[in-house]
PDB file of N, CA and C in Angstrom:
ATOM      1  N   MET A   1       0.397  18.824   2.952  1.00  0.00           N
ATOM      2  CA  MET A   1       1.250  17.680   3.214  1.00  0.00           C
ATOM      3  C   MET A   1       0.561  16.431   2.658  1.00  0.00           C
ATOM      4  N   VAL A   2       1.350  15.558   2.062  1.00  0.00           N
ATOM      5  CA  VAL A   2       0.820  14.351   1.450  1.00  0.00           C
ATOM      6  C   VAL A   2       1.214  13.140   2.289  1.00  0.00           C
ATOM      7  N   CYS A   3       0.260  12.241   2.495  1.00  0.00           N
ATOM      8  CA  CYS A   3       0.497  10.985   3.207  1.00  0.00           C
ATOM      9  C   CYS A   3      -0.062   9.854   2.355  1.00  0.00           C
ATOM     10  N   PHE A   4       0.173   8.636   2.792  1.00  0.00           N
ATOM     11  CA  PHE A   4      -0.286   7.470   2.055  1.00  0.00           C
ATOM     12  C   PHE A   4      -1.009   6.520   2.992  1.00  0.00           C
ATOM     13  N   ASN A   5      -2.182   6.071   2.563  1.00  0.00           N
ATOM     14  CA  ASN A   5      -2.912   5.074   3.320  1.00  0.00           C
ATOM     15  C   ASN A   5      -2.651   3.726   2.671  1.00  0.00           C
ATOM     16  N   CYS A   6      -2.246   2.756   3.476  1.00  0.00           N
ATOM     17  CA  CYS A   6      -1.926   1.423   2.971  1.00  0.00           C
ATOM     18  C   CYS A   6      -2.893   0.421   3.589  1.00  0.00           C
ATOM     19  N   LYS A   7      -3.551  -0.357   2.714  1.00  0.00           N
ATOM     20  CA  LYS A   7      -4.475  -1.379   3.186  1.00  0.00           C
ATOM     21  C   LYS A   7      -4.107  -2.707   2.535  1.00  0.00           C
ATOM     22  N   VAL A   8      -3.923  -3.739   3.355  1.00  0.00           N
ATOM     23  CA  VAL A   8      -3.628  -5.075   2.862  1.00  0.00           C
ATOM     24  C   VAL A   8      -4.780  -5.969   3.283  1.00  0.00           C
ATOM     25  N   SER A   9      -5.363  -6.680   2.297  1.00  0.00           N
ATOM     26  CA  SER A   9      -6.493  -7.543   2.610  1.00  0.00           C
ATOM     27  C   SER A   9      -6.415  -8.827   1.795  1.00  0.00           C
ATOM     28  N   ILE A  10      -7.067  -9.860   2.311  1.00  0.00           N
ATOM     29  CA  ILE A  10      -7.206 -11.123   1.601  1.00  0.00           C
ATOM     30  C   ILE A  10      -8.677 -11.493   1.625  1.00  0.00           C
ATOM     31  N   ASN A  11      -9.246 -11.659   0.437  1.00  0.00           N
ATOM     32  CA  ASN A  11     -10.666 -12.004   0.298  1.00  0.00           C
ATOM     33  C   ASN A  11     -11.579 -11.091   1.111  1.00  0.00           C
ATOM     34  N   GLY A  12     -11.277  -9.802   1.129  1.00  0.00           N
ATOM     35  CA  GLY A  12     -12.101  -8.833   1.824  1.00  0.00           C
ATOM     36  C   GLY A  12     -11.810  -8.667   3.304  1.00  0.00           C
ATOM     37  N   ASN A  13     -10.967  -9.515   3.883  1.00  0.00           N
ATOM     38  CA  ASN A  13     -10.588  -9.402   5.293  1.00  0.00           C
ATOM     39  C   ASN A  13      -9.357  -8.510   5.404  1.00  0.00           C
ATOM     40  N   ILE A  14      -9.501  -7.381   6.080  1.00  0.00           N
ATOM     41  CA  ILE A  14      -8.394  -6.429   6.206  1.00  0.00           C
ATOM     42  C   ILE A  14      -7.391  -6.955   7.229  1.00  0.00           C
ATOM     43  N   LEU A  15      -6.151  -7.121   6.778  1.00  0.00           N
ATOM     44  CA  LEU A  15      -5.083  -7.590   7.648  1.00  0.00           C
ATOM     45  C   LEU A  15      -4.250  -6.446   8.196  1.00  0.00           C
ATOM     46  N   HIS A  16      -4.158  -5.365   7.441  1.00  0.00           N
ATOM     47  CA  HIS A  16      -3.325  -4.234   7.837  1.00  0.00           C
ATOM     48  C   HIS A  16      -3.891  -2.973   7.213  1.00  0.00           C
ATOM     49  N   GLU A  17      -4.032  -1.934   8.011  1.00  0.00           N
ATOM     50  CA  GLU A  17      -4.451  -0.635   7.486  1.00  0.00           C
ATOM     51  C   GLU A  17      -3.823   0.441   8.347  1.00  0.00           C
ATOM     52  N   LYS A  18      -3.030   1.291   7.702  1.00  0.00           N
ATOM     53  CA  LYS A  18      -2.290   2.307   8.448  1.00  0.00           C
ATOM     54  C   LYS A  18      -1.931   3.456   7.509  1.00  0.00           C
ATOM     55  N   THR A  19      -1.753   4.649   8.059  1.00  0.00           N
ATOM     56  CA  THR A  19      -1.340   5.815   7.293  1.00  0.00           C
ATOM     57  C   THR A  19       0.141   6.066   7.530  1.00  0.00           C
ATOM     58  N   TYR A  20       0.856   6.315   6.454  1.00  0.00           N
ATOM     59  CA  TYR A  20       2.300   6.533   6.506  1.00  0.00           C
ATOM     60  C   TYR A  20       2.640   7.870   5.859  1.00  0.00           C
ATOM     61  N   ASP A  21       3.748   8.453   6.277  1.00  0.00           N
ATOM     62  CA  ASP A  21       4.194   9.715   5.706  1.00  0.00           C
ATOM     63  C   ASP A  21       4.882   9.527   4.355  1.00  0.00           C
ATOM     64  N   THR A  22       5.567   8.393   4.161  1.00  0.00           N
ATOM     65  CA  THR A  22       6.304   8.168   2.920  1.00  0.00           C
ATOM     66  C   THR A  22       6.109   6.740   2.422  1.00  0.00           C
ATOM     67  N   LEU A  23       6.381   6.547   1.140  1.00  0.00           N
ATOM     68  CA  LEU A  23       6.339   5.204   0.573  1.00  0.00           C
ATOM     69  C   LEU A  23       7.471   4.345   1.129  1.00  0.00           C
ATOM     70  N   LYS A  24       8.577   4.973   1.474  1.00  0.00           N
ATOM     71  CA  LYS A  24       9.719   4.254   2.053  1.00  0.00           C
ATOM     72  C   LYS A  24       9.319   3.579   3.367  1.00  0.00           C
ATOM     73  N   GLU A  25       8.523   4.259   4.183  1.00  0.00           N
ATOM     74  CA  GLU A  25       8.051   3.672   5.440  1.00  0.00           C
ATOM     75  C   GLU A  25       7.183   2.444   5.171  1.00  0.00           C
ATOM     76  N   ILE A  26       6.364   2.504   4.140  1.00  0.00           N
ATOM     77  CA  ILE A  26       5.520   1.360   3.793  1.00  0.00           C
ATOM     78  C   ILE A  26       6.386   0.188   3.365  1.00  0.00           C
ATOM     79  N   SER A  27       7.406   0.461   2.563  1.00  0.00           N
ATOM     80  CA  SER A  27       8.269  -0.620   2.092  1.00  0.00           C
ATOM     81  C   SER A  27       8.981  -1.309   3.243  1.00  0.00           C
ATOM     82  N   LYS A  28       9.410  -0.551   4.230  1.00  0.00           N
ATOM     83  CA  LYS A  28      10.068  -1.151   5.402  1.00  0.00           C
ATOM     84  C   LYS A  28       9.084  -1.966   6.233  1.00  0.00           C
ATOM     85  N   GLU A  29       7.893  -1.433   6.431  1.00  0.00           N
ATOM     86  CA  GLU A  29       6.881  -2.103   7.254  1.00  0.00           C
ATOM     87  C   GLU A  29       6.420  -3.418   6.632  1.00  0.00           C
ATOM     88  N   LEU A  30       6.209  -3.421   5.307  1.00  0.00           N
ATOM     89  CA  LEU A  30       5.689  -4.610   4.633  1.00  0.00           C
ATOM     90  C   LEU A  30       6.790  -5.513   4.089  1.00  0.00           C
ATOM     91  N   ASN A  31       8.037  -5.095   4.266  1.00  0.00           N
ATOM     92  CA  ASN A  31       9.183  -5.860   3.772  1.00  0.00           C
ATOM     93  C   ASN A  31       9.105  -6.066   2.258  1.00  0.00           C
ATOM     94  N   LEU A  32       8.779  -4.986   1.554  1.00  0.00           N
ATOM     95  CA  LEU A  32       8.745  -4.966   0.100  1.00  0.00           C
ATOM     96  C   LEU A  32       9.796  -3.972  -0.384  1.00  0.00           C
ATOM     97  N   SER A  33      10.183  -4.079  -1.633  1.00  0.00           N
ATOM     98  CA  SER A  33      11.110  -3.096  -2.173  1.00  0.00           C
ATOM     99  C   SER A  33      10.363  -1.782  -2.397  1.00  0.00           C
ATOM    100  N   TYR A  34      11.142  -0.706  -2.444  1.00  0.00           N
ATOM    101  CA  TYR A  34      10.531   0.595  -2.690  1.00  0.00           C
ATOM    102  C   TYR A  34       9.826   0.602  -4.049  1.00  0.00           C
ATOM    103  N   GLN A  35      10.425  -0.046  -5.043  1.00  0.00           N
ATOM    104  CA  GLN A  35       9.837  -0.077  -6.379  1.00  0.00           C
ATOM    105  C   GLN A  35       8.490  -0.797  -6.390  1.00  0.00           C
ATOM    106  N   GLN A  36       8.370  -1.882  -5.630  1.00  0.00           N
ATOM    107  CA  GLN A  36       7.093  -2.592  -5.533  1.00  0.00           C
ATOM    108  C   GLN A  36       6.024  -1.685  -4.933  1.00  0.00           C
ATOM    109  N   VAL A  37       6.379  -0.974  -3.876  1.00  0.00           N
ATOM    110  CA  VAL A  37       5.432  -0.076  -3.210  1.00  0.00           C
ATOM    111  C   VAL A  37       5.042   1.062  -4.150  1.00  0.00           C
ATOM    112  N   ALA A  38       6.009   1.606  -4.879  1.00  0.00           N
ATOM    113  CA  ALA A  38       5.710   2.679  -5.832  1.00  0.00           C
ATOM    114  C   ALA A  38       4.775   2.171  -6.922  1.00  0.00           C
ATOM    115  N   ASP A  39       4.970   0.937  -7.369  1.00  0.00           N
ATOM    116  CA  ASP A  39       4.079   0.349  -8.379  1.00  0.00           C
ATOM    117  C   ASP A  39       2.661   0.189  -7.841  1.00  0.00           C
ATOM    118  N   TYR A  40       2.521  -0.271  -6.614  1.00  0.00           N
ATOM    119  CA  TYR A  40       1.187  -0.382  -6.007  1.00  0.00           C
ATOM    120  C   TYR A  40       0.538   0.994  -5.904  1.00  0.00           C
ATOM    121  N   SER A  41       1.320   1.985  -5.525  1.00  0.00           N
ATOM    122  CA  SER A  41       0.794   3.332  -5.352  1.00  0.00           C
ATOM    123  C   SER A  41       0.295   3.918  -6.670  1.00  0.00           C
ATOM    124  N   ALA A  42       0.980   3.593  -7.762  1.00  0.00           N
ATOM    125  CA  ALA A  42       0.612   4.126  -9.070  1.00  0.00           C
ATOM    126  C   ALA A  42      -0.279   3.174  -9.872  1.00  0.00           C
ATOM    127  N   ASN A  43      -0.755   2.112  -9.233  1.00  0.00           N
ATOM    128  CA  ASN A  43      -1.602   1.103  -9.887  1.00  0.00           C
ATOM    129  C   ASN A  43      -0.938   0.486 -11.113  1.00  0.00           C
ATOM    130  N   ARG A  44       0.363   0.191 -10.994  1.00  0.00           N
ATOM    131  CA  ARG A  44       1.106  -0.429 -12.093  1.00  0.00           C
ATOM    132  C   ARG A  44       1.381  -1.900 -11.837  1.00  0.00           C
ATOM    133  N   VAL A  45       0.641  -2.527 -10.959  1.00  0.00           N
ATOM    134  CA  VAL A  45       0.901  -3.918 -10.602  1.00  0.00           C
ATOM    135  C   VAL A  45       0.231  -4.829 -11.616  1.00  0.00           C
ATOM    136  N   LYS A  46       1.020  -5.730 -12.181  1.00  0.00           N
ATOM    137  CA  LYS A  46       0.488  -6.706 -13.131  1.00  0.00           C
ATOM    138  C   LYS A  46       0.536  -8.067 -12.466  1.00  0.00           C
ATOM    139  N   ARG A  47      -0.591  -8.703 -12.408  1.00  0.00           N
ATOM    140  CA  ARG A  47      -0.655 -10.037 -11.794  1.00  0.00           C
ATOM    141  C   ARG A  47      -0.525 -11.084 -12.885  1.00  0.00           C
ATOM    142  N   ARG A  48       0.656 -11.586 -13.053  1.00  0.00           N
ATOM    143  CA  ARG A  48       0.899 -12.573 -14.098  1.00  0.00           C
ATOM    144  C   ARG A  48       0.524 -13.970 -13.634  1.00  0.00           C
ATOM    145  N   ASN A  49       1.230 -14.469 -12.645  1.00  0.00           N
ATOM    146  CA  ASN A  49       1.046 -15.851 -12.212  1.00  0.00           C
ATOM    147  C   ASN A  49       0.259 -15.959 -10.916  1.00  0.00           C
ATOM    148  N   THR A  50      -0.233 -14.858 -10.398  1.00  0.00           N
ATOM    149  CA  THR A  50      -0.895 -14.884  -9.103  1.00  0.00           C
ATOM    150  C   THR A  50      -2.368 -15.247  -9.201  1.00  0.00           C
ATOM    151  N   ASN A  51      -2.914 -15.316 -10.380  1.00  0.00           N
ATOM    152  CA  ASN A  51      -4.339 -15.604 -10.515  1.00  0.00           C
ATOM    153  C   ASN A  51      -4.689 -17.019 -10.078  1.00  0.00           C
ATOM    154  N   ASN A  52      -3.715 -17.902  -9.994  1.00  0.00           N
ATOM    155  CA  ASN A  52      -3.968 -19.277  -9.587  1.00  0.00           C
ATOM    156  C   ASN A  52      -4.034 -19.448  -8.071  1.00  0.00           C
ATOM    157  N   PHE A  53      -3.585 -18.449  -7.321  1.00  0.00           N
ATOM    158  CA  PHE A  53      -3.583 -18.542  -5.872  1.00  0.00           C
ATOM    159  C   PHE A  53      -4.960 -18.213  -5.308  1.00  0.00           C
ATOM    160  N   ILE A  54      -5.381 -18.969  -4.318  1.00  0.00           N
ATOM    161  CA  ILE A  54      -6.659 -18.698  -3.663  1.00  0.00           C
ATOM    162  C   ILE A  54      -6.517 -17.531  -2.696  1.00  0.00           C
ATOM    163  N   TYR A  55      -5.428 -17.507  -1.938  1.00  0.00           N
ATOM    164  CA  TYR A  55      -5.224 -16.489  -0.908  1.00  0.00           C
ATOM    165  C   TYR A  55      -4.082 -15.561  -1.296  1.00  0.00           C
ATOM    166  N   TYR A  56      -4.330 -14.664  -2.198  1.00  0.00           N
ATOM    167  CA  TYR A  56      -3.324 -13.694  -2.603  1.00  0.00           C
ATOM    168  C   TYR A  56      -3.715 -12.338  -2.021  1.00  0.00           C
ATOM    169  N   PRO A  57      -2.805 -11.672  -1.309  1.00  0.00           N
ATOM    170  CA  PRO A  57      -3.176 -10.395  -0.683  1.00  0.00           C
ATOM    171  C   PRO A  57      -3.357  -9.280  -1.704  1.00  0.00           C
ATOM    172  N   GLN A  58      -4.312  -8.432  -1.437  1.00  0.00           N
ATOM    173  CA  GLN A  58      -4.513  -7.224  -2.214  1.00  0.00           C
ATOM    174  C   GLN A  58      -3.881  -6.080  -1.446  1.00  0.00           C
ATOM    175  N   VAL A  59      -3.019  -5.335  -2.090  1.00  0.00           N
ATOM    176  CA  VAL A  59      -2.370  -4.180  -1.466  1.00  0.00           C
ATOM    177  C   VAL A  59      -2.879  -2.936  -2.175  1.00  0.00           C
ATOM    178  N   GLU A  60      -3.478  -2.040  -1.398  1.00  0.00           N
ATOM    179  CA  GLU A  60      -3.984  -0.784  -1.936  1.00  0.00           C
ATOM    180  C   GLU A  60      -3.264   0.355  -1.234  1.00  0.00           C
ATOM    181  N   ILE A  61      -2.633   1.211  -2.013  1.00  0.00           N
ATOM    182  CA  ILE A  61      -1.956   2.381  -1.462  1.00  0.00           C
ATOM    183  C   ILE A  61      -2.559   3.599  -2.129  1.00  0.00           C
ATOM    184  N   THR A  62      -3.137   4.470  -1.315  1.00  0.00           N
ATOM    185  CA  THR A  62      -3.762   5.673  -1.845  1.00  0.00           C
ATOM    186  C   THR A  62      -3.121   6.906  -1.232  1.00  0.00           C
ATOM    187  N   LYS A  63      -2.986   7.918  -2.061  1.00  0.00           N
ATOM    188  CA  LYS A  63      -2.403   9.181  -1.600  1.00  0.00           C
ATOM    189  C   LYS A  63      -3.507  10.006  -0.971  1.00  0.00           C
ATOM    190  N   ILE A  64      -3.231  10.546   0.204  1.00  0.00           N
ATOM    191  CA  ILE A  64      -4.208  11.396   0.886  1.00  0.00           C
ATOM    192  C   ILE A  64      -3.534  12.697   1.289  1.00  0.00           C
ATOM    193  N   LYS A  65      -4.320  13.725   1.344  1.00  0.00           N
ATOM    194  CA  LYS A  65      -3.795  15.023   1.774  1.00  0.00           C
ATOM    195  C   LYS A  65      -4.040  15.161   3.268  1.00  0.00           C
ATOM    196  N   LYS A  66      -2.998  15.529   3.960  1.00  0.00           N
ATOM    197  CA  LYS A  66      -3.065  15.697   5.410  1.00  0.00           C
ATOM    198  C   LYS A  66      -2.878  17.193   5.691  1.00  0.00           C
ATOM    199  N   GLU A  67      -3.771  17.738   6.478  1.00  0.00           N
ATOM    200  CA  GLU A  67      -3.674  19.151   6.769  1.00  0.00           C
ATOM    201  C   GLU A  67      -2.504  19.421   7.700  1.00  0.00           C
ATOM    202  N   LYS A  68      -1.814  20.505   7.430  1.00  0.00           N
ATOM    203  CA  LYS A  68      -0.689  20.893   8.274  1.00  0.00           C
ATOM    204  C   LYS A  68      -1.218  21.375   9.614  1.00  0.00           C
ATOM    205  N   PRO A  69      -0.566  20.986  10.704  1.00  0.00           N
ATOM    206  CA  PRO A  69      -1.000  21.496  12.006  1.00  0.00           C
ATOM    207  C   PRO A  69      -0.748  22.998  12.093  1.00  0.00           C
ATOM    208  N   GLN A  70      -1.725  23.699  12.598  1.00  0.00           N
ATOM    209  CA  GLN A  70      -1.575  25.162  12.714  1.00  0.00           C
ATOM    210  C   GLN A  70      -0.841  25.483  13.994  1.00  0.00           C
ATOM    211  N   ASP A  71       0.101  26.424  13.860  1.00  0.00           N
ATOM    212  CA  ASP A  71       0.930  26.816  15.014  1.00  0.00           C
ATOM    213  C   ASP A  71       0.183  27.703  15.963  1.00  0.00           C
TER     214      ASP A  71
END
């Protein structure tokens, strides 16, 4: 079974860290579109105009394998 760990931080301070079953759950929780979450998950995020911001959040989504519970 595959799950996703989502970590949101600003300047190294972790604001949110949680494991989710689907990317859709992450999009609902963070109020982002599914496409934005999929881009973060695949490391396709391009920071065009965000380099000027001092406090811009870093969103890291990593795929993790979760062992199936044994019956």
